[in-house]
Protein backbone atom coordinates (compact mmCIF):
# COMPACT_ATOMS: atom_id res chain seq x y z
CA MET A 1 24.73 -13.87 -8.22
CA ASN A 2 23.01 -15.79 -10.94
CA ASN A 3 21.58 -14.03 -13.99
CA GLN A 4 17.91 -14.72 -13.27
CA ARG A 5 18.20 -13.48 -9.69
CA MET A 6 19.86 -10.29 -10.87
CA ARG A 7 17.18 -9.85 -13.55
CA TRP A 8 14.22 -10.02 -11.15
CA GLN A 9 16.00 -7.79 -8.64
CA GLN A 10 16.71 -5.17 -11.31
CA ARG A 11 13.11 -5.38 -12.49
CA PHE A 12 11.98 -4.98 -8.88
CA ALA A 13 14.12 -1.83 -8.54
CA ASN A 14 12.27 -0.38 -11.55
CA PHE A 15 8.93 -1.52 -10.11
CA GLU A 16 9.83 0.20 -6.84
CA LYS A 17 10.59 3.50 -8.63
CA ALA A 18 7.36 3.25 -10.65
CA ARG A 19 5.39 2.56 -7.47
CA GLN A 20 6.84 5.69 -5.87
CA LYS A 21 5.71 7.78 -8.85
CA PHE A 22 2.31 6.04 -8.74
CA HIS A 23 1.88 7.01 -5.08
CA TYR A 24 2.97 10.56 -5.88
CA ALA A 25 0.29 10.77 -8.61
CA LEU A 26 -2.26 9.18 -6.27
CA LYS A 27 -1.54 11.77 -3.58
CA ALA A 28 -1.93 14.64 -6.06
CA PHE A 29 -5.15 13.14 -7.41
CA ARG A 30 -6.62 12.75 -3.92
CA LYS A 31 -5.92 16.44 -3.23
CA ASP A 32 -7.78 17.52 -6.37
CA ALA A 33 -9.82 14.72 -7.96
CA ASN A 34 -11.32 17.16 -10.47
CA ASN A 35 -7.94 17.99 -11.99
CA GLU A 36 -7.79 16.31 -15.41
CA LEU A 37 -3.97 16.25 -15.46
CA TYR A 38 -3.83 14.53 -12.08
CA ARG A 39 -6.30 11.93 -13.28
CA MET A 40 -4.30 11.33 -16.45
CA ALA A 41 -1.08 11.09 -14.43
CA LEU A 42 -2.70 8.59 -12.09
CA ILE A 43 -3.84 6.41 -14.97
CA GLN A 44 -0.47 6.57 -16.72
CA THR A 45 1.56 5.82 -13.58
CA PHE A 46 -0.81 2.97 -12.78
CA GLU A 47 -0.26 1.50 -16.24
CA PHE A 48 3.52 1.41 -16.04
CA THR A 49 3.51 0.32 -12.38
CA TYR A 50 1.17 -2.55 -13.26
CA GLU A 51 3.41 -3.52 -16.22
CA LEU A 52 6.52 -3.59 -14.08
CA GLY A 53 4.62 -5.46 -11.35
CA TRP A 54 3.59 -8.39 -13.50
CA LYS A 55 6.98 -8.46 -15.24
CA THR A 56 8.74 -8.56 -11.86
CA MET A 57 6.52 -11.53 -10.98
CA LYS A 58 7.40 -13.21 -14.27
CA ASP A 59 11.13 -12.79 -13.69
CA PHE A 60 10.85 -13.96 -10.09
CA LEU A 61 8.81 -17.02 -11.05
CA ARG A 62 11.43 -17.92 -13.67
CA TYR A 63 14.14 -17.48 -11.06
CA GLU A 64 12.17 -19.88 -8.85
CA GLY A 65 12.02 -22.43 -11.68
CA VAL A 66 8.53 -21.77 -13.07
CA ASP A 67 9.33 -21.62 -16.78
CA LYS A 68 5.95 -21.63 -18.49
CA VAL A 69 5.06 -18.02 -17.77
CA SER A 70 5.21 -15.34 -20.41
CA LEU A 71 1.76 -13.81 -20.89
CA PRO A 72 0.36 -11.53 -18.16
CA ARG A 73 -2.67 -13.74 -17.46
CA ASP A 74 -0.45 -16.80 -16.95
CA VAL A 75 1.93 -14.86 -14.74
CA ILE A 76 -0.96 -13.60 -12.59
CA LYS A 77 -2.38 -17.11 -12.22
CA GLN A 78 1.01 -18.49 -11.23
CA GLY A 79 1.65 -15.52 -8.94
CA PHE A 80 -1.58 -16.33 -7.13
CA HIS A 81 -0.77 -20.06 -7.08
CA TYR A 82 2.65 -19.41 -5.53
CA GLN A 83 1.15 -16.88 -3.08
CA ILE A 84 2.95 -13.85 -4.42
CA ILE A 85 -0.46 -12.31 -5.05
CA GLU A 86 -3.13 -12.36 -2.36
CA ASP A 87 -5.90 -10.83 -4.48
CA GLY A 88 -5.78 -12.61 -7.82
CA GLN A 89 -9.07 -11.10 -8.96
CA ALA A 90 -7.77 -7.56 -8.48
CA TRP A 91 -4.76 -8.38 -10.70
CA MET A 92 -7.00 -9.92 -13.37
CA ASN A 93 -9.17 -6.79 -13.23
CA MET A 94 -6.04 -4.63 -13.55
CA LEU A 95 -5.09 -6.55 -16.67
CA ASP A 96 -8.54 -6.00 -18.19
CA ASP A 97 -8.66 -2.29 -17.29
CA ARG A 98 -5.12 -1.73 -18.51
CA ASN A 99 -5.97 -3.38 -21.84
CA LEU A 100 -9.12 -1.28 -22.21
CA MET A 101 -7.27 1.95 -21.51
CA ALA A 102 -4.36 1.09 -23.78
CA HIS A 103 -6.49 0.60 -26.90
CA ALA A 104 -8.93 3.49 -26.76
CA TYR A 105 -9.58 6.42 -24.48
CA ASP A 106 -13.14 6.57 -23.24
CA GLU A 107 -14.09 9.04 -20.52
CA ARG A 108 -16.43 6.63 -18.73
CA LYS A 109 -13.86 3.82 -18.82
CA ALA A 110 -11.22 6.18 -17.49
CA GLU A 111 -13.48 7.25 -14.61
CA ARG A 112 -14.25 3.63 -13.79
CA ALA A 113 -10.56 2.74 -13.97
CA VAL A 114 -9.68 5.59 -11.59
CA GLU A 115 -12.29 4.29 -9.17
CA HIS A 116 -10.77 0.79 -9.36
CA ILE A 117 -7.23 2.17 -9.03
CA THR A 118 -8.01 4.16 -5.91
CA GLN A 119 -10.26 1.58 -4.27
CA SER A 120 -8.49 -1.74 -4.86
CA TYR A 121 -5.57 -1.68 -7.27
CA VAL A 122 -3.31 0.43 -5.09
CA GLN A 123 -3.68 -2.10 -2.26
CA ALA A 124 -3.00 -5.04 -4.59
CA ILE A 125 0.11 -3.38 -6.03
CA ASP A 126 1.36 -2.48 -2.55
CA GLN A 127 0.84 -6.05 -1.34
CA VAL A 128 2.99 -7.44 -4.17
CA TYR A 129 5.55 -4.71 -3.57
CA ARG A 130 5.81 -5.72 0.12
CA TYR A 131 6.20 -9.38 -0.91
CA PHE A 132 9.18 -8.58 -3.14
CA LYS A 133 10.66 -6.06 -0.70
CA GLU A 134 10.79 -8.87 1.86
CA LYS A 135 12.35 -11.25 -0.70
CA ILE A 136 15.05 -8.68 -1.53
CA ALA A 137 15.88 -8.34 2.16
CA THR A 138 16.47 -12.10 2.59
């Protein structure tokens, strides 16, 4: 197995584990949306699941011969171009929300991010997960 294939598959395994934790946090949050710890857990698990998602795409694109991808925005654009991502706008929005949350905690931004996470980001992450799960199987 070549090095780049092994790299994206290992990254995918980490993405898969992160996604499981993300769904666990999402389930807890949906049971008690007023619980501050559940909300914080949801945001944190989203952040590392998103990070592993775009990095899995980057490694996969490199494996496929697309070399000029290193920054998240470039990876997302190429992921959309190569039909890894169906909802490119959701991934761009994830990038923006993730950057906002990483630099300063603001209650209103966190509430808005949670709304985005539960209403569109989870579906976008799951779609990319299914794409890679199928690629692993072949």
